[in-house]
Amino acid sequence: MAIPSLDRGRITARVPLQVQETLEMAASLVGATINQFVVQSALREAERIIEQDRVIRLSAADAIQFLDALDNPPPFNHALLSALTDYAARRNDQTGSLDWTPRPQRV
C-alpha cells in the first residue's frame, strides 16, 4: 500500500553558534530534536500572537458599556442614514451584489 505524501515547506535559519547551542540544550531537555523543538516553539508563539490579535479584551466597565450600546443603540444620525440610502441605491437585488464604482471626488 502506498503512503500518501504530505505537502511540506522548509524553513531554515542561520544563527550564531551560541544560539544554536542554547536551542540544542533546550531540545535535549524536553527530548526533542532541534528541528522539532524550533518548530513547536515557533508554532506556539505564532498561535499566541494570532490569538492576541483576534481576541478583544475589555475591562468590566468597558464590557458593560459595550453590551449596553448593543441593547440600547443610539438613534440613527445623518451620516448613517446617508450611508444606508447610498447602499440601497447601489444594491442590485437580482444578484445580491453591490455596484462598488467609486464616487466622484468632491472638490
N, C-alpha and C. Protein backbone atom coordinates (compact mmCIF):
# COMPACT_ATOMS: atom_id res chain seq x y z
N MET A 1 0.83 -1.17 0.00
CA MET A 1 0.00 0.00 0.00
C MET A 1 0.88 1.24 0.00
N ALA A 2 0.54 2.18 -0.86
CA ALA A 2 1.32 3.40 -0.97
C ALA A 2 0.95 4.37 0.15
N ILE A 3 1.95 5.02 0.69
CA ILE A 3 1.73 6.02 1.74
C ILE A 3 1.60 7.38 1.07
N PRO A 4 0.48 8.09 1.33
CA PRO A 4 0.32 9.40 0.69
C PRO A 4 1.39 10.37 1.20
N SER A 5 1.89 11.18 0.27
CA SER A 5 2.92 12.15 0.67
C SER A 5 2.26 13.36 1.30
N LEU A 6 2.94 13.95 2.24
CA LEU A 6 2.47 15.16 2.89
C LEU A 6 3.15 16.36 2.25
N ASP A 7 2.36 17.38 1.95
CA ASP A 7 2.97 18.60 1.43
C ASP A 7 3.70 19.28 2.58
N ARG A 8 4.92 19.62 2.36
CA ARG A 8 5.72 20.23 3.41
C ARG A 8 6.48 21.42 2.85
N GLY A 9 6.69 22.39 3.72
CA GLY A 9 7.54 23.52 3.40
C GLY A 9 8.85 23.38 4.16
N ARG A 10 9.77 24.23 3.84
CA ARG A 10 11.07 24.17 4.51
C ARG A 10 11.37 25.55 5.08
N ILE A 11 11.85 25.53 6.32
CA ILE A 11 12.28 26.77 6.98
C ILE A 11 13.72 26.54 7.44
N THR A 12 14.58 27.46 7.10
CA THR A 12 15.97 27.37 7.56
C THR A 12 16.34 28.70 8.21
N ALA A 13 17.30 28.62 9.10
CA ALA A 13 17.74 29.84 9.76
C ALA A 13 19.23 29.74 10.07
N ARG A 14 19.92 30.79 9.84
CA ARG A 14 21.33 30.87 10.24
C ARG A 14 21.38 31.65 11.55
N VAL A 15 21.98 31.03 12.54
CA VAL A 15 22.03 31.65 13.87
C VAL A 15 23.45 31.57 14.40
N PRO A 16 23.80 32.47 15.32
CA PRO A 16 25.12 32.37 15.95
C PRO A 16 25.25 31.03 16.69
N LEU A 17 26.47 30.56 16.82
CA LEU A 17 26.75 29.28 17.45
C LEU A 17 26.17 29.21 18.86
N GLN A 18 26.23 30.31 19.62
CA GLN A 18 25.69 30.32 20.98
C GLN A 18 24.18 30.07 20.97
N VAL A 19 23.47 30.64 20.01
CA VAL A 19 22.03 30.43 19.90
C VAL A 19 21.75 28.97 19.56
N GLN A 20 22.51 28.42 18.63
CA GLN A 20 22.32 27.02 18.26
C GLN A 20 22.55 26.11 19.47
N GLU A 21 23.59 26.36 20.23
CA GLU A 21 23.87 25.54 21.41
C GLU A 21 22.75 25.64 22.44
N THR A 22 22.22 26.83 22.63
CA THR A 22 21.11 27.01 23.57
C THR A 22 19.89 26.24 23.11
N LEU A 23 19.58 26.32 21.82
CA LEU A 23 18.42 25.59 21.28
C LEU A 23 18.63 24.08 21.39
N GLU A 24 19.83 23.62 21.10
CA GLU A 24 20.12 22.19 21.21
C GLU A 24 19.96 21.71 22.65
N MET A 25 20.44 22.51 23.62
CA MET A 25 20.33 22.12 25.02
C MET A 25 18.86 22.04 25.44
N ALA A 26 18.09 23.04 25.08
CA ALA A 26 16.66 23.06 25.43
C ALA A 26 15.93 21.89 24.77
N ALA A 27 16.26 21.61 23.51
CA ALA A 27 15.62 20.49 22.81
C ALA A 27 15.94 19.18 23.50
N SER A 28 17.18 19.00 23.90
CA SER A 28 17.56 17.74 24.56
C SER A 28 16.88 17.61 25.92
N LEU A 29 16.64 18.71 26.60
CA LEU A 29 15.97 18.67 27.91
C LEU A 29 14.52 18.21 27.80
N VAL A 30 13.88 18.48 26.67
CA VAL A 30 12.49 18.04 26.50
C VAL A 30 12.39 16.79 25.63
N GLY A 31 13.52 16.24 25.24
CA GLY A 31 13.53 15.00 24.47
C GLY A 31 13.08 15.17 23.03
N ALA A 32 13.44 16.27 22.42
CA ALA A 32 13.06 16.54 21.04
C ALA A 32 14.31 16.81 20.22
N THR A 33 14.17 16.67 18.92
CA THR A 33 15.26 17.10 18.06
C THR A 33 15.24 18.63 18.02
N ILE A 34 16.32 19.22 17.58
CA ILE A 34 16.35 20.67 17.50
C ILE A 34 15.30 21.17 16.51
N ASN A 35 15.08 20.42 15.42
CA ASN A 35 14.07 20.81 14.44
C ASN A 35 12.67 20.77 15.07
N GLN A 36 12.36 19.68 15.79
CA GLN A 36 11.06 19.58 16.46
C GLN A 36 10.88 20.71 17.47
N PHE A 37 11.92 20.96 18.23
CA PHE A 37 11.85 21.99 19.27
C PHE A 37 11.61 23.37 18.66
N VAL A 38 12.35 23.70 17.62
CA VAL A 38 12.21 25.02 17.00
C VAL A 38 10.82 25.16 16.37
N VAL A 39 10.36 24.14 15.67
CA VAL A 39 9.05 24.22 15.02
C VAL A 39 7.94 24.32 16.08
N GLN A 40 7.99 23.49 17.12
CA GLN A 40 6.96 23.54 18.16
C GLN A 40 6.95 24.88 18.88
N SER A 41 8.13 25.40 19.18
CA SER A 41 8.23 26.69 19.88
C SER A 41 7.72 27.83 19.00
N ALA A 42 8.12 27.82 17.74
CA ALA A 42 7.69 28.87 16.81
C ALA A 42 6.18 28.79 16.58
N LEU A 43 5.64 27.59 16.45
CA LEU A 43 4.21 27.42 16.24
C LEU A 43 3.42 27.90 17.46
N ARG A 44 3.87 27.56 18.63
CA ARG A 44 3.20 28.00 19.87
C ARG A 44 3.17 29.53 19.94
N GLU A 45 4.28 30.16 19.63
CA GLU A 45 4.36 31.63 19.66
C GLU A 45 3.49 32.25 18.56
N ALA A 46 3.47 31.64 17.38
CA ALA A 46 2.64 32.15 16.29
C ALA A 46 1.17 32.07 16.67
N GLU A 47 0.74 30.97 17.27
CA GLU A 47 -0.66 30.83 17.69
C GLU A 47 -1.00 31.85 18.77
N ARG A 48 -0.08 32.12 19.69
CA ARG A 48 -0.31 33.11 20.73
C ARG A 48 -0.49 34.51 20.13
N ILE A 49 0.34 34.84 19.16
CA ILE A 49 0.27 36.16 18.52
C ILE A 49 -1.04 36.30 17.75
N ILE A 50 -1.44 35.25 17.03
CA ILE A 50 -2.69 35.29 16.26
C ILE A 50 -3.88 35.45 17.21
N GLU A 51 -3.89 34.69 18.29
CA GLU A 51 -4.99 34.81 19.27
C GLU A 51 -5.03 36.20 19.86
N GLN A 52 -3.88 36.75 20.19
CA GLN A 52 -3.81 38.09 20.77
C GLN A 52 -4.40 39.12 19.82
N ASP A 53 -4.20 38.91 18.51
CA ASP A 53 -4.72 39.85 17.52
C ASP A 53 -6.23 39.70 17.35
N ARG A 54 -6.75 38.48 17.48
CA ARG A 54 -8.17 38.22 17.21
C ARG A 54 -9.08 38.44 18.41
N VAL A 55 -8.56 38.39 19.60
CA VAL A 55 -9.39 38.49 20.80
C VAL A 55 -9.40 39.93 21.29
N ILE A 56 -10.58 40.42 21.57
CA ILE A 56 -10.71 41.77 22.12
C ILE A 56 -10.95 41.61 23.62
N ARG A 57 -10.10 42.21 24.39
CA ARG A 57 -10.24 42.13 25.84
C ARG A 57 -10.72 43.49 26.36
N LEU A 58 -11.78 43.43 27.16
CA LEU A 58 -12.35 44.66 27.72
C LEU A 58 -12.33 44.59 29.23
N SER A 59 -12.22 45.75 29.84
CA SER A 59 -12.38 45.82 31.29
C SER A 59 -13.86 45.56 31.59
N ALA A 60 -14.19 45.30 32.84
CA ALA A 60 -15.59 45.06 33.21
C ALA A 60 -16.46 46.26 32.86
N ALA A 61 -15.95 47.46 33.13
CA ALA A 61 -16.72 48.67 32.83
C ALA A 61 -16.92 48.84 31.33
N ASP A 62 -15.88 48.58 30.54
CA ASP A 62 -15.99 48.69 29.09
C ASP A 62 -16.95 47.64 28.53
N ALA A 63 -16.92 46.44 29.09
CA ALA A 63 -17.82 45.38 28.63
C ALA A 63 -19.28 45.76 28.91
N ILE A 64 -19.54 46.32 30.07
CA ILE A 64 -20.90 46.75 30.40
C ILE A 64 -21.36 47.85 29.45
N GLN A 65 -20.47 48.80 29.17
CA GLN A 65 -20.81 49.89 28.26
C GLN A 65 -21.06 49.36 26.85
N PHE A 66 -20.26 48.40 26.39
CA PHE A 66 -20.43 47.81 25.07
C PHE A 66 -21.76 47.08 24.97
N LEU A 67 -22.07 46.25 25.96
CA LEU A 67 -23.32 45.49 25.95
C LEU A 67 -24.53 46.43 26.03
N ASP A 68 -24.40 47.51 26.80
CA ASP A 68 -25.48 48.48 26.88
C ASP A 68 -25.71 49.15 25.53
N ALA A 69 -24.64 49.44 24.81
CA ALA A 69 -24.78 50.05 23.48
C ALA A 69 -25.47 49.09 22.50
N LEU A 70 -25.21 47.79 22.66
CA LEU A 70 -25.90 46.81 21.80
C LEU A 70 -27.38 46.73 22.15
N ASP A 71 -27.69 46.76 23.45
CA ASP A 71 -29.09 46.66 23.89
C ASP A 71 -29.87 47.95 23.64
N ASN A 72 -29.19 49.08 23.71
CA ASN A 72 -29.84 50.39 23.55
C ASN A 72 -29.05 51.25 22.57
N PRO A 73 -29.10 50.91 21.28
CA PRO A 73 -28.29 51.67 20.32
C PRO A 73 -28.77 53.12 20.21
N PRO A 74 -27.85 54.02 19.93
CA PRO A 74 -28.25 55.42 19.76
C PRO A 74 -29.07 55.57 18.48
N PRO A 75 -29.87 56.61 18.38
CA PRO A 75 -30.66 56.81 17.15
C PRO A 75 -29.75 57.07 15.95
N PHE A 76 -30.28 56.74 14.76
CA PHE A 76 -29.52 56.96 13.53
C PHE A 76 -29.21 58.44 13.38
N ASN A 77 -27.99 58.74 12.95
CA ASN A 77 -27.65 60.13 12.66
C ASN A 77 -27.66 60.32 11.15
N HIS A 78 -27.42 61.54 10.72
CA HIS A 78 -27.49 61.86 9.28
C HIS A 78 -26.49 61.04 8.47
N ALA A 79 -25.27 60.85 8.98
CA ALA A 79 -24.24 60.12 8.23
C ALA A 79 -24.66 58.66 8.01
N LEU A 80 -25.23 58.03 9.04
CA LEU A 80 -25.65 56.64 8.90
C LEU A 80 -26.82 56.52 7.93
N LEU A 81 -27.79 57.41 8.05
CA LEU A 81 -28.93 57.38 7.12
C LEU A 81 -28.46 57.58 5.68
N SER A 82 -27.51 58.48 5.48
CA SER A 82 -26.95 58.71 4.15
C SER A 82 -26.26 57.46 3.62
N ALA A 83 -25.50 56.80 4.49
CA ALA A 83 -24.81 55.58 4.08
C ALA A 83 -25.80 54.47 3.72
N LEU A 84 -26.87 54.33 4.49
CA LEU A 84 -27.88 53.31 4.20
C LEU A 84 -28.60 53.61 2.88
N THR A 85 -28.90 54.87 2.64
CA THR A 85 -29.54 55.26 1.39
C THR A 85 -28.62 54.96 0.21
N ASP A 86 -27.34 55.30 0.36
CA ASP A 86 -26.36 55.03 -0.69
C ASP A 86 -26.24 53.52 -0.95
N TYR A 87 -26.23 52.73 0.12
CA TYR A 87 -26.15 51.27 -0.01
C TYR A 87 -27.36 50.74 -0.78
N ALA A 88 -28.56 51.21 -0.42
CA ALA A 88 -29.77 50.74 -1.08
C ALA A 88 -29.76 51.12 -2.56
N ALA A 89 -29.23 52.28 -2.89
CA ALA A 89 -29.18 52.72 -4.28
C ALA A 89 -28.19 51.90 -5.10
N ARG A 90 -27.13 51.44 -4.48
CA ARG A 90 -26.09 50.69 -5.20
C ARG A 90 -26.39 49.20 -5.27
N ARG A 91 -27.27 48.71 -4.42
CA ARG A 91 -27.52 47.27 -4.33
C ARG A 91 -28.30 46.79 -5.53
N ASN A 92 -27.87 45.68 -6.07
CA ASN A 92 -28.57 45.04 -7.18
C ASN A 92 -29.35 43.87 -6.57
N ASP A 93 -30.66 44.02 -6.42
CA ASP A 93 -31.46 43.00 -5.77
C ASP A 93 -31.54 41.69 -6.56
N GLN A 94 -31.23 41.72 -7.83
CA GLN A 94 -31.29 40.49 -8.63
C GLN A 94 -30.15 39.55 -8.26
N THR A 95 -28.98 40.10 -8.01
CA THR A 95 -27.82 39.25 -7.72
C THR A 95 -27.37 39.35 -6.28
N GLY A 96 -27.88 40.31 -5.55
CA GLY A 96 -27.43 40.49 -4.18
C GLY A 96 -26.06 41.13 -4.08
N SER A 97 -25.55 41.61 -5.21
CA SER A 97 -24.23 42.21 -5.21
C SER A 97 -24.35 43.73 -5.16
N LEU A 98 -23.23 44.36 -4.98
CA LEU A 98 -23.19 45.81 -4.92
C LEU A 98 -22.40 46.37 -6.08
N ASP A 99 -22.78 47.54 -6.52
CA ASP A 99 -22.00 48.26 -7.52
C ASP A 99 -20.99 49.11 -6.76
N TRP A 100 -19.73 48.67 -6.77
CA TRP A 100 -18.70 49.34 -5.98
C TRP A 100 -17.92 50.37 -6.78
N THR A 101 -18.56 50.97 -7.75
CA THR A 101 -17.84 52.01 -8.50
C THR A 101 -17.58 53.19 -7.57
N PRO A 102 -16.39 53.75 -7.64
CA PRO A 102 -16.08 54.87 -6.72
C PRO A 102 -16.91 56.10 -7.01
N ARG A 103 -17.18 56.84 -5.96
CA ARG A 103 -17.90 58.11 -6.12
C ARG A 103 -16.95 59.16 -6.70
N PRO A 104 -17.50 60.13 -7.42
CA PRO A 104 -16.63 61.22 -7.88
C PRO A 104 -16.10 62.00 -6.67
N GLN A 105 -14.88 62.44 -6.78
CA GLN A 105 -14.27 63.18 -5.67
C GLN A 105 -14.88 64.56 -5.55
N ARG A 106 -15.07 64.97 -4.30
CA ARG A 106 -15.59 66.32 -4.05
C ARG A 106 -14.44 67.30 -4.13
N VAL A 107 -14.72 68.44 -4.72
CA VAL A 107 -13.68 69.46 -4.86
C VAL A 107 -13.87 70.55 -3.85
